[in-house]
C-alpha atoms as a PDB file:
ATOM      1  CA  MET A   1    -138.027 -14.825 152.565  1.00  0.00           C
ATOM      2  CA  ASP A   2    -137.010 -11.311 153.634  1.00  0.00           C
ATOM      3  CA  ALA A   3    -134.959  -9.203 151.258  1.00  0.00           C
ATOM      4  CA  LEU A   4    -132.788  -6.214 152.084  1.00  0.00           C
ATOM      5  CA  LEU A   5    -132.818  -3.119 149.903  1.00  0.00           C
ATOM      6  CA  HIS A   6    -129.516  -1.281 149.594  1.00  0.00           C
ATOM      7  CA  GLU A   7    -130.140   2.303 148.550  1.00  0.00           C
ATOM      8  CA  SER A   8    -126.495   3.138 147.836  1.00  0.00           C
ATOM      9  CA  LEU A   9    -124.153   0.305 146.967  1.00  0.00           C
ATOM     10  CA  GLY A  10    -120.444   1.057 147.058  1.00  0.00           C
ATOM     11  CA  VAL A  11    -117.903  -0.116 144.537  1.00  0.00           C
ATOM     12  CA  GLU A  12    -116.825  -3.092 146.671  1.00  0.00           C
ATOM     13  CA  ARG A  13    -120.366  -4.519 146.901  1.00  0.00           C
ATOM     14  CA  ILE A  14    -120.948  -4.057 143.173  1.00  0.00           C
ATOM     15  CA  LEU A  15    -117.649  -5.827 142.362  1.00  0.00           C
ATOM     16  CA  GLU A  16    -118.556  -8.603 144.776  1.00  0.00           C
ATOM     17  CA  ALA A  17    -121.883  -9.097 142.993  1.00  0.00           C
ATOM     18  CA  GLU A  18    -120.235  -9.109 139.546  1.00  0.00           C
ATOM     19  CA  ALA A  19    -117.674 -11.655 140.775  1.00  0.00           C
ATOM     20  CA  ALA A  20    -120.580 -13.957 141.736  1.00  0.00           C
ATOM     21  CA  TRP A  21    -122.734 -13.224 138.671  1.00  0.00           C
ATOM     22  CA  GLY A  22    -120.111 -13.317 135.940  1.00  0.00           C
ATOM     23  CA  PRO A  23    -119.207 -17.008 136.043  1.00  0.00           C
ATOM     24  CA  VAL A  24    -122.881 -18.011 136.315  1.00  0.00           C
ATOM     25  CA  ARG A  25    -123.791 -15.742 133.390  1.00  0.00           C
ATOM     26  CA  ILE A  26    -121.041 -17.262 131.233  1.00  0.00           C
ATOM     27  CA  ALA A  27    -121.906 -20.844 132.158  1.00  0.00           C
ATOM     28  CA  SER A  28    -125.572 -20.161 131.377  1.00  0.00           C
ATOM     29  CA  LEU A  29    -124.731 -18.694 127.997  1.00  0.00           C
ATOM     30  CA  GLN A  30    -122.524 -21.680 127.182  1.00  0.00           C
ATOM     31  CA  ARG A  31    -125.376 -24.029 128.109  1.00  0.00           C
ATOM     32  CA  LEU A  32    -127.835 -22.089 125.891  1.00  0.00           C
ATOM     33  CA  LEU A  33    -125.449 -22.199 122.949  1.00  0.00           C
ATOM     34  CA  ALA A  34    -124.809 -25.937 123.489  1.00  0.00           C
ATOM     35  CA  GLU A  35    -128.594 -26.453 123.465  1.00  0.00           C
ATOM     36  CA  GLY A  36    -128.711 -24.753 120.017  1.00  0.00           C
ATOM     37  CA  CYS A  37    -129.918 -21.290 120.994  1.00  0.00           C
ATOM     38  CA  PRO A  38    -129.042 -18.890 118.142  1.00  0.00           C
ATOM     39  CA  GLU A  39    -126.685 -16.114 119.214  1.00  0.00           C
ATOM     40  CA  GLU A  40    -129.219 -13.406 118.314  1.00  0.00           C
ATOM     41  CA  GLN A  41    -131.659 -14.926 120.814  1.00  0.00           C
ATOM     42  CA  LEU A  42    -129.276 -14.888 123.779  1.00  0.00           C
ATOM     43  CA  PRO A  43    -130.247 -12.458 126.538  1.00  0.00           C
ATOM     44  CA  GLN A  44    -129.239  -8.998 125.315  1.00  0.00           C
ATOM     45  CA  HIS A  45    -127.755  -7.987 128.651  1.00  0.00           C
ATOM     46  CA  SER A  46    -125.497 -11.024 128.793  1.00  0.00           C
ATOM     47  CA  HIS A  47    -122.417  -8.948 127.939  1.00  0.00           C
ATOM     48  CA  TRP A  48    -122.851  -6.599 130.881  1.00  0.00           C
ATOM     49  CA  ASP A  49    -120.016  -6.348 133.362  1.00  0.00           C
ATOM     50  CA  TRP A  50    -120.804  -4.252 136.433  1.00  0.00           C
ATOM     51  CA  SER A  51    -117.096  -3.725 137.117  1.00  0.00           C
ATOM     52  CA  ARG A  52    -117.136  -1.466 134.064  1.00  0.00           C
ATOM     53  CA  LYS A  53    -120.113   0.480 135.366  1.00  0.00           C
ATOM     54  CA  VAL A  54    -118.752   1.485 138.767  1.00  0.00           C
ATOM     55  CA  GLY A  55    -116.969   4.511 137.343  1.00  0.00           C
ATOM     56  CA  ARG A  56    -120.376   6.215 137.072  1.00  0.00           C
ATOM     57  CA  LEU A  57    -120.479   6.398 140.879  1.00  0.00           C
ATOM     58  CA  GLN A  58    -117.645   8.921 140.759  1.00  0.00           C
ATOM     59  CA  VAL A  59    -120.098  11.289 139.049  1.00  0.00           C
ATOM     60  CA  GLY A  60    -122.059  12.687 142.004  1.00  0.00           C
ATOM     61  CA  THR A  61    -125.426  12.251 140.289  1.00  0.00           C
ATOM     62  CA  TYR A  62    -125.302   8.417 140.068  1.00  0.00           C
ATOM     63  CA  CYS A  63    -126.102   5.795 142.634  1.00  0.00           C
ATOM     64  CA  CYS A  64    -126.558   2.019 142.590  1.00  0.00           C
ATOM     65  CA  LEU A  65    -129.372   0.253 144.412  1.00  0.00           C
ATOM     66  CA  GLY A  66    -129.407  -3.450 145.170  1.00  0.00           C
ATOM     67  CA  VAL A  67    -131.667  -6.196 146.496  1.00  0.00           C
ATOM     68  CA  GLU A  68    -129.979  -8.742 148.716  1.00  0.00           C
ATOM     69  CA  CYS A  69    -131.437 -12.020 149.936  1.00  0.00           C
ATOM     70  CA  GLU A  70    -129.788 -14.962 151.637  1.00  0.00           C
ATOM     71  CA  GLY A  71    -126.533 -13.006 151.804  1.00  0.00           C
ATOM     72  CA  ARG A  72    -126.277 -12.595 147.993  1.00  0.00           C
ATOM     73  CA  MET A  73    -127.069  -9.679 145.710  1.00  0.00           C
ATOM     74  CA  GLN A  74    -130.168 -10.670 143.736  1.00  0.00           C
ATOM     75  CA  GLY A  75    -130.391  -7.577 141.518  1.00  0.00           C
ATOM     76  CA  MET A  76    -128.850  -4.146 141.000  1.00  0.00           C
ATOM     77  CA  MET A  77    -129.979  -0.892 139.391  1.00  0.00           C
ATOM     78  CA  MET A  78    -127.716   2.033 138.426  1.00  0.00           C
ATOM     79  CA  VAL A  79    -129.604   5.355 138.274  1.00  0.00           C
ATOM     80  CA  ALA A  80    -128.870   8.961 137.403  1.00  0.00           C
ATOM     81  CA  LEU A  81    -130.457  11.356 139.878  1.00  0.00           C
ATOM     82  CA  ALA A  82    -130.087  14.425 137.649  1.00  0.00           C
ATOM     83  CA  GLY A  83    -129.542  15.417 134.060  1.00  0.00           C
ATOM     84  CA  TYR A  84    -132.631  13.826 132.465  1.00  0.00           C
ATOM     85  CA  GLU A  85    -136.060  15.250 131.703  1.00  0.00           C
ATOM     86  CA  ALA A  86    -139.512  13.799 131.128  1.00  0.00           C
ATOM     87  CA  TRP A  87    -140.800  13.492 127.567  1.00  0.00           C
ATOM     88  CA  LEU A  88    -144.462  12.914 128.404  1.00  0.00           C
ATOM     89  CA  PRO A  89    -147.045  15.567 129.188  1.00  0.00           C
ATOM     90  CA  PRO A  90    -148.011  16.949 131.605  1.00  0.00           C
ATOM     91  CA  ASP A  91    -144.479  16.533 133.001  1.00  0.00           C
ATOM     92  CA  ARG A  92    -142.549  17.229 129.777  1.00  0.00           C
ATOM     93  CA  GLY A  93    -139.303  18.991 130.594  1.00  0.00           C
ATOM     94  CA  GLN A  94    -139.465  18.196 134.319  1.00  0.00           C
ATOM     95  CA  PRO A  95    -136.549  16.306 135.868  1.00  0.00           C
ATOM     96  CA  LEU A  96    -136.810  12.554 136.353  1.00  0.00           C
ATOM     97  CA  LEU A  97    -134.786   9.643 137.691  1.00  0.00           C
ATOM     98  CA  TYR A  98    -133.102   7.836 134.824  1.00  0.00           C
ATOM     99  CA  VAL A  99    -132.478   4.085 135.077  1.00  0.00           C
ATOM    100  CA  ASP A 100    -129.187   3.474 133.299  1.00  0.00           C
ATOM    101  CA  PHE A 101    -128.953  -0.277 134.065  1.00  0.00           C
ATOM    102  CA  LEU A 102    -131.189  -2.784 135.828  1.00  0.00           C
ATOM    103  CA  GLU A 103    -130.197  -6.434 136.068  1.00  0.00           C
ATOM    104  CA  THR A 104    -131.357  -9.442 138.001  1.00  0.00           C
ATOM    105  CA  ALA A 105    -128.812 -11.999 139.117  1.00  0.00           C
ATOM    106  CA  PRO A 106    -128.452 -14.705 136.471  1.00  0.00           C
ATOM    107  CA  TRP A 107    -129.820 -17.415 138.759  1.00  0.00           C
ATOM    108  CA  ASN A 108    -133.109 -15.447 138.829  1.00  0.00           C
ATOM    109  CA  VAL A 109    -133.472 -15.017 135.048  1.00  0.00           C
ATOM    110  CA  PRO A 110    -135.763 -17.664 133.477  1.00  0.00           C
ATOM    111  CA  ARG A 111    -133.719 -17.791 130.241  1.00  0.00           C
ATOM    112  CA  LEU A 112    -130.476 -18.286 132.126  1.00  0.00           C
ATOM    113  CA  ALA A 113    -131.569 -20.444 135.069  1.00  0.00           C
ATOM    114  CA  GLN A 114    -133.370 -23.722 134.576  1.00  0.00           C
ATOM    115  CA  GLU A 115    -135.052 -23.156 137.957  1.00  0.00           C
ATOM    116  CA  PRO A 116    -134.989 -19.434 138.824  1.00  0.00           C
ATOM    117  CA  ARG A 117    -134.367 -18.777 142.514  1.00  0.00           C
ATOM    118  CA  PHE A 118    -136.213 -15.532 143.185  1.00  0.00           C
ATOM    119  CA  GLY A 119    -138.850 -13.669 141.184  1.00  0.00           C
ATOM    120  CA  GLY A 120    -139.931 -10.054 141.370  1.00  0.00           C
ATOM    121  CA  VAL A 121    -136.438  -8.611 141.806  1.00  0.00           C
ATOM    122  CA  GLY A 122    -136.804  -6.236 138.840  1.00  0.00           C
ATOM    123  CA  MET A 123    -140.172  -5.020 140.119  1.00  0.00           C
ATOM    124  CA  ALA A 124    -138.704  -4.468 143.580  1.00  0.00           C
ATOM    125  CA  LEU A 125    -135.866  -2.408 142.120  1.00  0.00           C
ATOM    126  CA  LEU A 126    -138.233  -0.335 140.000  1.00  0.00           C
ATOM    127  CA  GLU A 127    -140.389   0.323 143.065  1.00  0.00           C
ATOM    128  CA  ALA A 128    -137.277   1.408 144.947  1.00  0.00           C
ATOM    129  CA  GLY A 129    -136.506   3.716 142.047  1.00  0.00           C
ATOM    130  CA  ILE A 130    -139.965   5.277 142.240  1.00  0.00           C
ATOM    131  CA  ARG A 131    -139.573   5.812 145.982  1.00  0.00           C
ATOM    132  CA  LEU A 132    -136.133   7.348 145.420  1.00  0.00           C
ATOM    133  CA  SER A 133    -137.610   9.625 142.735  1.00  0.00           C
ATOM    134  CA  LEU A 134    -140.270  10.738 145.241  1.00  0.00           C
ATOM    135  CA  ALA A 135    -137.692  11.318 147.976  1.00  0.00           C
ATOM    136  CA  ARG A 136    -135.595  13.449 145.606  1.00  0.00           C
ATOM    137  CA  GLY A 137    -138.611  15.624 144.699  1.00  0.00           C
ATOM    138  CA  LEU A 138    -139.023  14.103 141.222  1.00  0.00           C
ATOM    139  CA  GLN A 139    -142.646  13.038 141.895  1.00  0.00           C
ATOM    140  CA  GLY A 140    -141.979   9.396 141.026  1.00  0.00           C
ATOM    141  CA  ARG A 141    -141.020  10.113 137.433  1.00  0.00           C
ATOM    142  CA  ILE A 142    -138.680   7.539 135.875  1.00  0.00           C
ATOM    143  CA  GLY A 143    -137.280   7.124 132.380  1.00  0.00           C
ATOM    144  CA  LEU A 144    -135.136   4.438 130.787  1.00  0.00           C
ATOM    145  CA  HIS A 145    -133.979   2.965 127.496  1.00  0.00           C
ATOM    146  CA  ALA A 146    -134.944  -0.694 127.406  1.00  0.00           C
ATOM    147  CA  LEU A 147    -133.204  -3.499 125.687  1.00  0.00           C
ATOM    148  CA  PRO A 148    -135.681  -4.814 123.093  1.00  0.00           C
ATOM    149  CA  GLN A 149    -136.096  -8.128 124.994  1.00  0.00           C
ATOM    150  CA  ALA A 150    -137.061  -6.183 128.152  1.00  0.00           C
ATOM    151  CA  GLU A 151    -139.463  -3.710 126.543  1.00  0.00           C
ATOM    152  CA  VAL A 152    -142.517  -5.936 127.173  1.00  0.00           C
ATOM    153  CA  PHE A 153    -141.559  -6.179 130.872  1.00  0.00           C
ATOM    154  CA  TYR A 154    -141.500  -2.407 131.222  1.00  0.00           C
ATOM    155  CA  GLN A 155    -144.723  -1.902 129.274  1.00  0.00           C
ATOM    156  CA  ASP A 156    -146.823  -4.790 130.536  1.00  0.00           C
ATOM    157  CA  ARG A 157    -145.558  -5.497 134.034  1.00  0.00           C
ATOM    158  CA  CYS A 158    -144.405  -2.010 135.064  1.00  0.00           C
ATOM    159  CA  LYS A 159    -147.072  -0.118 133.056  1.00  0.00           C
ATOM    160  CA  MET A 160    -144.557   2.332 131.637  1.00  0.00           C
ATOM    161  CA  THR A 161    -145.358   4.243 128.456  1.00  0.00           C
ATOM    162  CA  ALA A 162    -143.266   3.206 125.476  1.00  0.00           C
ATOM    163  CA  LEU A 163    -142.309   6.181 123.331  1.00  0.00           C
ATOM    164  CA  GLY A 164    -140.642   4.363 120.429  1.00  0.00           C
ATOM    165  CA  LEU A 165    -137.080   3.909 119.314  1.00  0.00           C
ATOM    166  CA  ASP A 166    -134.662   6.693 120.236  1.00  0.00           C
ATOM    167  CA  GLU A 167    -132.407   7.417 117.291  1.00  0.00           C
ATOM    168  CA  ASP A 168    -130.105   9.407 119.621  1.00  0.00           C
ATOM    169  CA  TYR A 169    -129.572   6.418 121.951  1.00  0.00           C
ATOM    170  CA  PHE A 170    -128.553   3.360 119.908  1.00  0.00           C
ATOM    171  CA  TRP A 171    -132.130   3.033 118.534  1.00  0.00           C
ATOM    172  CA  LEU A 172    -133.281   1.549 121.854  1.00  0.00           C
ATOM    173  CA  PRO A 173    -136.930   1.896 122.902  1.00  0.00           C
ATOM    174  CA  TYR A 174    -137.504   4.680 125.427  1.00  0.00           C
ATOM    175  CA  CYS A 175    -140.011   4.101 128.257  1.00  0.00           C
ATOM    176  CA  GLU A 176    -141.240   6.509 130.881  1.00  0.00           C
ATOM    177  CA  LEU A 177    -143.285   6.444 134.059  1.00  0.00           C
ATOM    178  CA  THR A 178    -145.282   9.606 134.807  1.00  0.00           C
ATOM    179  CA  GLN A 179    -146.284  10.853 138.260  1.00  0.00           C
ATOM    180  CA  GLU A 180    -149.708   9.346 137.785  1.00  0.00           C
ATOM    181  CA  GLN A 181    -148.333   5.986 136.654  1.00  0.00           C
ATOM    182  CA  ALA A 182    -145.907   5.950 139.599  1.00  0.00           C
ATOM    183  CA  VAL A 183    -148.773   6.375 142.053  1.00  0.00           C
ATOM    184  CA  ARG A 184    -150.657   3.505 140.371  1.00  0.00           C
ATOM    185  CA  PHE A 185    -147.521   1.336 140.464  1.00  0.00           C
ATOM    186  CA  LEU A 186    -147.105   1.882 144.195  1.00  0.00           C
ATOM    187  CA  ARG A 187    -150.794   1.117 144.790  1.00  0.00           C
ATOM    188  CA  GLY A 188    -150.298  -2.161 142.939  1.00  0.00           C
ATOM    189  CA  ALA A 189    -152.780  -1.258 140.196  1.00  0.00           C
END
């Protein structure tokens, strides 16, 4: 199945995706609760609403990427193209691409969908972020604050370096991808 990468989603497309995702997200959460899932074990991103995130696009340094397949948005990633710096040597202090939000459509999330439709959407978005970082002269560097439930994905699957909890950002774990790690990611290592 061929997927289409959108490198710059406009507000209308983001709202369209949220309109499709929101009801599925809510129905999935209701099902999990009915099955006895404790509230603290619900997916931590389940409260996200992309219609509240579109205002970031008015700031010239943000853009939203998306993966579309079968005519539906399968995942989106909001990134800041400026204003963030690397924490890790040898790139400490150098600019990087910052991933503000990354979400896969609820029908692709194993916890939310009994039979997930598409896998690898998050990896495809992160790869697109690396390529965007390279195109912007940021040498593939990426940083992000992960939700605790997603930290293992970023460390194990994406091979990002976890730098611990950031007391200045809601005590969320901070992860970073260096130039070297970005090259390895793109090589599939």
